[in-house]
N, C-alpha and C. Protein backbone atom coordinates (compact mmCIF):
# COMPACT_ATOMS: atom_id res chain seq x y z
N MET A 1 21.69 -18.32 -46.48
CA MET A 1 22.18 -18.36 -45.11
C MET A 1 21.92 -17.03 -44.42
N ARG A 2 22.23 -15.98 -45.11
CA ARG A 2 22.04 -14.65 -44.52
C ARG A 2 20.55 -14.39 -44.30
N GLN A 3 19.71 -14.83 -45.22
CA GLN A 3 18.27 -14.62 -45.11
C GLN A 3 17.72 -15.40 -43.91
N GLY A 4 18.19 -16.58 -43.67
CA GLY A 4 17.78 -17.39 -42.53
C GLY A 4 18.17 -16.74 -41.21
N THR A 5 19.34 -16.16 -41.18
CA THR A 5 19.81 -15.47 -39.98
C THR A 5 18.96 -14.25 -39.69
N VAL A 6 18.58 -13.52 -40.73
CA VAL A 6 17.76 -12.32 -40.57
C VAL A 6 16.38 -12.72 -40.04
N ILE A 7 15.79 -13.75 -40.60
CA ILE A 7 14.47 -14.21 -40.16
C ILE A 7 14.54 -14.68 -38.72
N LEU A 8 15.59 -15.41 -38.39
CA LEU A 8 15.77 -15.89 -37.02
C LEU A 8 15.94 -14.71 -36.06
N ALA A 9 16.69 -13.71 -36.47
CA ALA A 9 16.91 -12.54 -35.62
C ALA A 9 15.60 -11.77 -35.42
N LEU A 10 14.82 -11.62 -36.49
CA LEU A 10 13.53 -10.92 -36.37
C LEU A 10 12.57 -11.71 -35.48
N GLY A 11 12.54 -13.00 -35.65
CA GLY A 11 11.67 -13.83 -34.82
C GLY A 11 12.06 -13.75 -33.35
N ALA A 12 13.35 -13.77 -33.09
CA ALA A 12 13.82 -13.66 -31.71
C ALA A 12 13.49 -12.30 -31.14
N ALA A 13 13.64 -11.25 -31.95
CA ALA A 13 13.34 -9.90 -31.46
C ALA A 13 11.86 -9.76 -31.12
N VAL A 14 11.00 -10.30 -31.97
CA VAL A 14 9.56 -10.21 -31.72
C VAL A 14 9.19 -11.01 -30.47
N SER A 15 9.69 -12.21 -30.36
CA SER A 15 9.33 -13.04 -29.20
C SER A 15 9.93 -12.49 -27.91
N LEU A 16 11.15 -11.98 -27.99
CA LEU A 16 11.78 -11.40 -26.80
C LEU A 16 11.12 -10.09 -26.40
N SER A 17 10.68 -9.31 -27.37
CA SER A 17 10.01 -8.06 -27.01
C SER A 17 8.72 -8.35 -26.28
N GLY A 18 8.03 -9.40 -26.64
CA GLY A 18 6.83 -9.81 -25.91
C GLY A 18 7.17 -10.20 -24.49
N CYS A 19 8.26 -10.91 -24.32
CA CYS A 19 8.68 -11.31 -22.97
C CYS A 19 9.07 -10.09 -22.15
N VAL A 20 9.76 -9.15 -22.79
CA VAL A 20 10.19 -7.95 -22.09
C VAL A 20 8.98 -7.13 -21.66
N VAL A 21 8.03 -6.99 -22.58
CA VAL A 21 6.82 -6.23 -22.26
C VAL A 21 6.05 -6.93 -21.14
N ARG A 22 5.91 -8.22 -21.23
CA ARG A 22 5.19 -8.98 -20.21
C ARG A 22 5.90 -8.86 -18.86
N THR A 23 7.22 -8.96 -18.86
CA THR A 23 7.99 -8.82 -17.63
C THR A 23 7.84 -7.42 -17.05
N ALA A 24 7.90 -6.42 -17.91
CA ALA A 24 7.73 -5.04 -17.44
C ALA A 24 6.34 -4.84 -16.84
N ALA A 25 5.33 -5.44 -17.45
CA ALA A 25 3.97 -5.32 -16.91
C ALA A 25 3.88 -5.99 -15.55
N HIS A 26 4.51 -7.13 -15.39
CA HIS A 26 4.51 -7.82 -14.08
C HIS A 26 5.23 -6.99 -13.01
N VAL A 27 6.34 -6.37 -13.41
CA VAL A 27 7.09 -5.56 -12.47
C VAL A 27 6.27 -4.33 -12.04
N VAL A 28 5.59 -3.73 -12.99
CA VAL A 28 4.80 -2.53 -12.68
C VAL A 28 3.60 -2.87 -11.81
N THR A 29 2.94 -4.00 -12.06
CA THR A 29 1.72 -4.34 -11.32
C THR A 29 2.00 -5.10 -10.03
N ALA A 30 3.23 -5.51 -9.80
CA ALA A 30 3.55 -6.28 -8.60
C ALA A 30 3.20 -5.55 -7.30
N PRO A 31 3.54 -4.27 -7.13
CA PRO A 31 3.19 -3.59 -5.88
C PRO A 31 1.68 -3.55 -5.64
N VAL A 32 0.92 -3.37 -6.70
CA VAL A 32 -0.54 -3.34 -6.57
C VAL A 32 -1.06 -4.70 -6.11
N ARG A 33 -0.53 -5.75 -6.70
CA ARG A 33 -0.95 -7.09 -6.30
C ARG A 33 -0.56 -7.40 -4.86
N VAL A 34 0.61 -6.96 -4.44
CA VAL A 34 1.06 -7.20 -3.06
C VAL A 34 0.16 -6.47 -2.08
N VAL A 35 -0.15 -5.21 -2.37
CA VAL A 35 -1.03 -4.44 -1.49
C VAL A 35 -2.42 -5.07 -1.45
N GLY A 36 -2.92 -5.49 -2.60
CA GLY A 36 -4.24 -6.14 -2.65
C GLY A 36 -4.28 -7.40 -1.80
N LYS A 37 -3.23 -8.19 -1.88
CA LYS A 37 -3.16 -9.43 -1.08
C LYS A 37 -3.11 -9.10 0.41
N GLY A 38 -2.36 -8.06 0.76
CA GLY A 38 -2.28 -7.64 2.17
C GLY A 38 -3.64 -7.19 2.68
N VAL A 39 -4.38 -6.47 1.87
CA VAL A 39 -5.72 -6.03 2.27
C VAL A 39 -6.63 -7.24 2.45
N ASP A 40 -6.53 -8.21 1.56
CA ASP A 40 -7.33 -9.43 1.70
C ASP A 40 -7.02 -10.15 3.00
N TRP A 41 -5.76 -10.18 3.37
CA TRP A 41 -5.37 -10.88 4.60
C TRP A 41 -5.82 -10.14 5.85
N THR A 42 -5.88 -8.81 5.79
CA THR A 42 -6.20 -8.05 7.00
C THR A 42 -7.68 -7.76 7.17
N THR A 43 -8.46 -7.90 6.15
CA THR A 43 -9.89 -7.61 6.26
C THR A 43 -10.69 -8.90 6.26
N THR A 44 -11.87 -8.83 6.82
CA THR A 44 -12.77 -9.98 6.86
C THR A 44 -13.99 -9.66 6.00
N SER A 45 -14.29 -10.54 5.08
CA SER A 45 -15.45 -10.32 4.23
C SER A 45 -16.72 -10.55 5.04
N ARG A 46 -17.82 -10.08 4.52
CA ARG A 46 -19.12 -10.25 5.20
C ARG A 46 -19.42 -11.74 5.34
N ASP A 47 -19.11 -12.52 4.32
CA ASP A 47 -19.36 -13.96 4.36
C ASP A 47 -18.54 -14.62 5.47
N GLU A 48 -17.26 -14.24 5.57
CA GLU A 48 -16.42 -14.80 6.63
C GLU A 48 -16.90 -14.38 8.01
N ALA A 49 -17.33 -13.13 8.13
CA ALA A 49 -17.83 -12.65 9.42
C ALA A 49 -19.09 -13.41 9.83
N ASP A 50 -19.99 -13.63 8.88
CA ASP A 50 -21.21 -14.39 9.18
C ASP A 50 -20.88 -15.82 9.59
N ARG A 51 -19.93 -16.41 8.88
CA ARG A 51 -19.54 -17.80 9.19
C ARG A 51 -18.91 -17.87 10.58
N ASN A 52 -18.05 -16.92 10.89
CA ASN A 52 -17.41 -16.91 12.21
C ASN A 52 -18.43 -16.66 13.32
N ARG A 53 -19.39 -15.76 13.08
CA ARG A 53 -20.42 -15.48 14.07
C ARG A 53 -21.29 -16.71 14.31
N GLY A 54 -21.65 -17.41 13.25
CA GLY A 54 -22.43 -18.64 13.39
C GLY A 54 -21.68 -19.70 14.18
N ARG A 55 -20.39 -19.82 13.91
CA ARG A 55 -19.57 -20.80 14.63
C ARG A 55 -19.52 -20.45 16.12
N GLU A 56 -19.34 -19.17 16.43
CA GLU A 56 -19.27 -18.74 17.83
C GLU A 56 -20.62 -18.97 18.53
N MET A 57 -21.72 -18.73 17.82
CA MET A 57 -23.04 -18.96 18.41
C MET A 57 -23.24 -20.44 18.71
N ARG A 58 -22.83 -21.32 17.80
CA ARG A 58 -22.96 -22.76 18.04
C ARG A 58 -22.13 -23.19 19.23
N LYS A 59 -20.90 -22.67 19.35
CA LYS A 59 -20.05 -23.02 20.49
C LYS A 59 -20.68 -22.55 21.80
N GLN A 60 -21.25 -21.34 21.79
CA GLN A 60 -21.90 -20.82 22.99
C GLN A 60 -23.10 -21.69 23.36
N GLU A 61 -23.90 -22.09 22.38
CA GLU A 61 -25.05 -22.96 22.65
C GLU A 61 -24.59 -24.30 23.21
N GLU A 62 -23.49 -24.83 22.70
CA GLU A 62 -22.95 -26.09 23.21
C GLU A 62 -22.50 -25.93 24.66
N ARG A 63 -21.83 -24.81 24.98
CA ARG A 63 -21.40 -24.58 26.36
C ARG A 63 -22.62 -24.47 27.28
N GLU A 64 -23.66 -23.76 26.84
CA GLU A 64 -24.86 -23.61 27.66
C GLU A 64 -25.56 -24.94 27.88
N ALA A 65 -25.64 -25.76 26.82
CA ALA A 65 -26.28 -27.07 26.94
C ALA A 65 -25.48 -27.96 27.89
N LYS A 66 -24.18 -27.91 27.81
CA LYS A 66 -23.33 -28.71 28.70
C LYS A 66 -23.53 -28.29 30.15
N GLU A 67 -23.57 -26.98 30.39
CA GLU A 67 -23.79 -26.47 31.74
C GLU A 67 -25.17 -26.87 32.26
N ARG A 68 -26.18 -26.78 31.38
CA ARG A 68 -27.54 -27.17 31.76
C ARG A 68 -27.60 -28.65 32.14
N ARG A 69 -26.94 -29.52 31.36
CA ARG A 69 -26.91 -30.96 31.69
C ARG A 69 -26.20 -31.21 33.01
N ARG A 70 -25.10 -30.45 33.24
CA ARG A 70 -24.38 -30.60 34.50
C ARG A 70 -25.26 -30.21 35.68
N GLN A 71 -25.99 -29.11 35.54
CA GLN A 71 -26.88 -28.68 36.63
C GLN A 71 -28.01 -29.68 36.86
N GLU A 72 -28.59 -30.21 35.78
CA GLU A 72 -29.66 -31.21 35.93
C GLU A 72 -29.14 -32.45 36.63
N LYS A 73 -27.94 -32.87 36.27
CA LYS A 73 -27.33 -34.05 36.90
C LYS A 73 -27.11 -33.79 38.39
N GLU A 74 -26.63 -32.58 38.71
CA GLU A 74 -26.40 -32.22 40.11
C GLU A 74 -27.72 -32.18 40.88
N GLN A 75 -28.78 -31.67 40.28
CA GLN A 75 -30.09 -31.63 40.93
C GLN A 75 -30.62 -33.03 41.18
N ARG A 76 -30.45 -33.93 40.21
CA ARG A 76 -30.89 -35.32 40.42
C ARG A 76 -30.11 -35.97 41.56
N ARG A 77 -28.80 -35.69 41.61
CA ARG A 77 -27.98 -36.25 42.68
C ARG A 77 -28.44 -35.74 44.04
N LEU A 78 -28.71 -34.45 44.14
CA LEU A 78 -29.18 -33.87 45.41
C LEU A 78 -30.54 -34.42 45.79
N ALA A 79 -31.41 -34.62 44.82
CA ALA A 79 -32.74 -35.18 45.10
C ALA A 79 -32.61 -36.61 45.63
N ARG A 80 -31.71 -37.39 45.08
CA ARG A 80 -31.51 -38.76 45.58
C ARG A 80 -30.97 -38.75 46.99
N GLU A 81 -30.08 -37.82 47.29
CA GLU A 81 -29.51 -37.74 48.63
C GLU A 81 -30.58 -37.33 49.65
N GLU A 82 -31.52 -36.49 49.25
CA GLU A 82 -32.60 -36.07 50.16
C GLU A 82 -33.56 -37.23 50.44
N ASP A 83 -33.74 -38.12 49.48
CA ASP A 83 -34.64 -39.26 49.65
C ASP A 83 -34.06 -40.29 50.60
N ARG A 84 -32.83 -40.30 50.87
CA ARG A 84 -32.20 -41.31 51.74
C ARG A 84 -32.44 -41.04 53.16
C-alpha cells in the first residue's frame, strides 16, 4: 500500500511539474505573442498590399468604363435629337 502511494505521488509530481513548466512557459511567452499579433494586425504584408492595389485598380477601371458608356449613350441621344 505504501509503495503504491509513493509511486502515485511520484507520478503525480512528474506530470504536474510538466504542467507547471508548460504553464510557466505560456505565461512568459504570452506578451511576445500578444505583441506579435498586434504587429500583424497593424501592418500590411506585400501580398496584401498587392491584392488591395489590384482590387482598387479594377474598381477604377469599372468606374471609367461605366462613365465611358454613359457618355457614349448621351452622345447617341444627342445625335438622334439633331437628326429630328
